[in-house]
Protein backbone atom coordinates (compact mmCIF):
# COMPACT_ATOMS: atom_id res chain seq x y z
CA MET A 1 -17.81 33.03 -2.93
CA ASN A 2 -14.25 33.68 -3.94
CA LYS A 3 -12.65 30.78 -5.84
CA LYS A 4 -9.30 31.35 -4.18
CA ASN A 5 -10.80 30.86 -0.72
CA PHE A 6 -12.57 27.71 -1.94
CA TYR A 7 -9.34 26.21 -3.26
CA ILE A 8 -7.48 27.09 -0.06
CA GLY A 9 -10.22 25.43 2.00
CA MET A 10 -10.21 22.32 -0.17
CA GLY A 11 -6.43 22.07 0.03
CA MET A 12 -6.47 22.40 3.81
CA GLY A 13 -9.18 19.72 4.05
CA VAL A 14 -7.22 17.29 1.92
CA LEU A 15 -4.05 17.98 3.89
CA VAL A 16 -5.69 17.52 7.29
CA GLY A 17 -7.51 14.38 6.08
CA GLY A 18 -4.29 12.84 4.78
CA ILE A 19 -2.38 13.58 7.95
CA SER A 20 -5.13 12.17 10.15
CA ALA A 21 -5.37 9.01 8.02
CA MET A 22 -1.62 8.46 8.33
CA ALA A 23 -1.75 9.01 12.08
CA MET A 24 -4.61 6.53 12.59
CA ARG A 25 -3.32 3.65 10.50
CA PRO A 26 -2.09 0.66 12.51
CA LYS A 27 1.61 0.06 12.92
CA LYS A 28 2.90 -3.10 11.29
CA ASN A 29 5.54 -4.97 13.23
CA ARG A 30 6.77 -7.53 10.76
CA SER A 31 10.08 -9.21 11.09
CA ALA A 32 12.38 -9.41 8.10
CA ARG A 33 12.33 -13.20 8.33
CA SER A 34 8.57 -13.43 7.78
CA VAL A 35 8.70 -10.97 4.88
CA VAL A 36 11.46 -12.95 3.16
CA GLY A 37 9.61 -16.22 3.73
CA ARG A 38 6.39 -14.85 2.30
CA THR A 39 8.26 -13.45 -0.71
CA LEU A 40 10.00 -16.77 -1.43
CA ARG A 41 6.71 -18.65 -1.12
CA THR A 42 5.05 -16.28 -3.59
CA MET A 43 7.94 -16.60 -6.04
CA GLY A 44 7.68 -20.39 -5.82
CA ASP A 45 3.95 -20.26 -6.50
CA VAL A 46 4.51 -18.06 -9.54
CA ALA A 47 7.20 -20.39 -10.88
CA ASP A 48 4.88 -23.38 -10.42
CA SER A 49 2.06 -21.60 -12.21
CA VAL A 50 4.27 -20.65 -15.15
CA SER A 51 5.65 -24.18 -15.46
CA ASP A 52 2.10 -25.60 -15.36
CA ILE A 53 0.97 -23.23 -18.08
CA MET A 54 3.95 -24.11 -20.26
CA GLY A 55 3.38 -27.82 -19.68
CA LEU A 56 6.83 -28.54 -18.26
């Protein structure tokens, strides 16, 4: 077996697999409002955790 043919075949397999995985993944319809709300909630949780650790 020629190594060049093997590498070409492996590259094509990885390429086709990546494209098919991207095509099959579900679409996420998230509004900006929910993303901002979730981010602010997470930041608040982190601030609470840090203040608890510091004993403030």
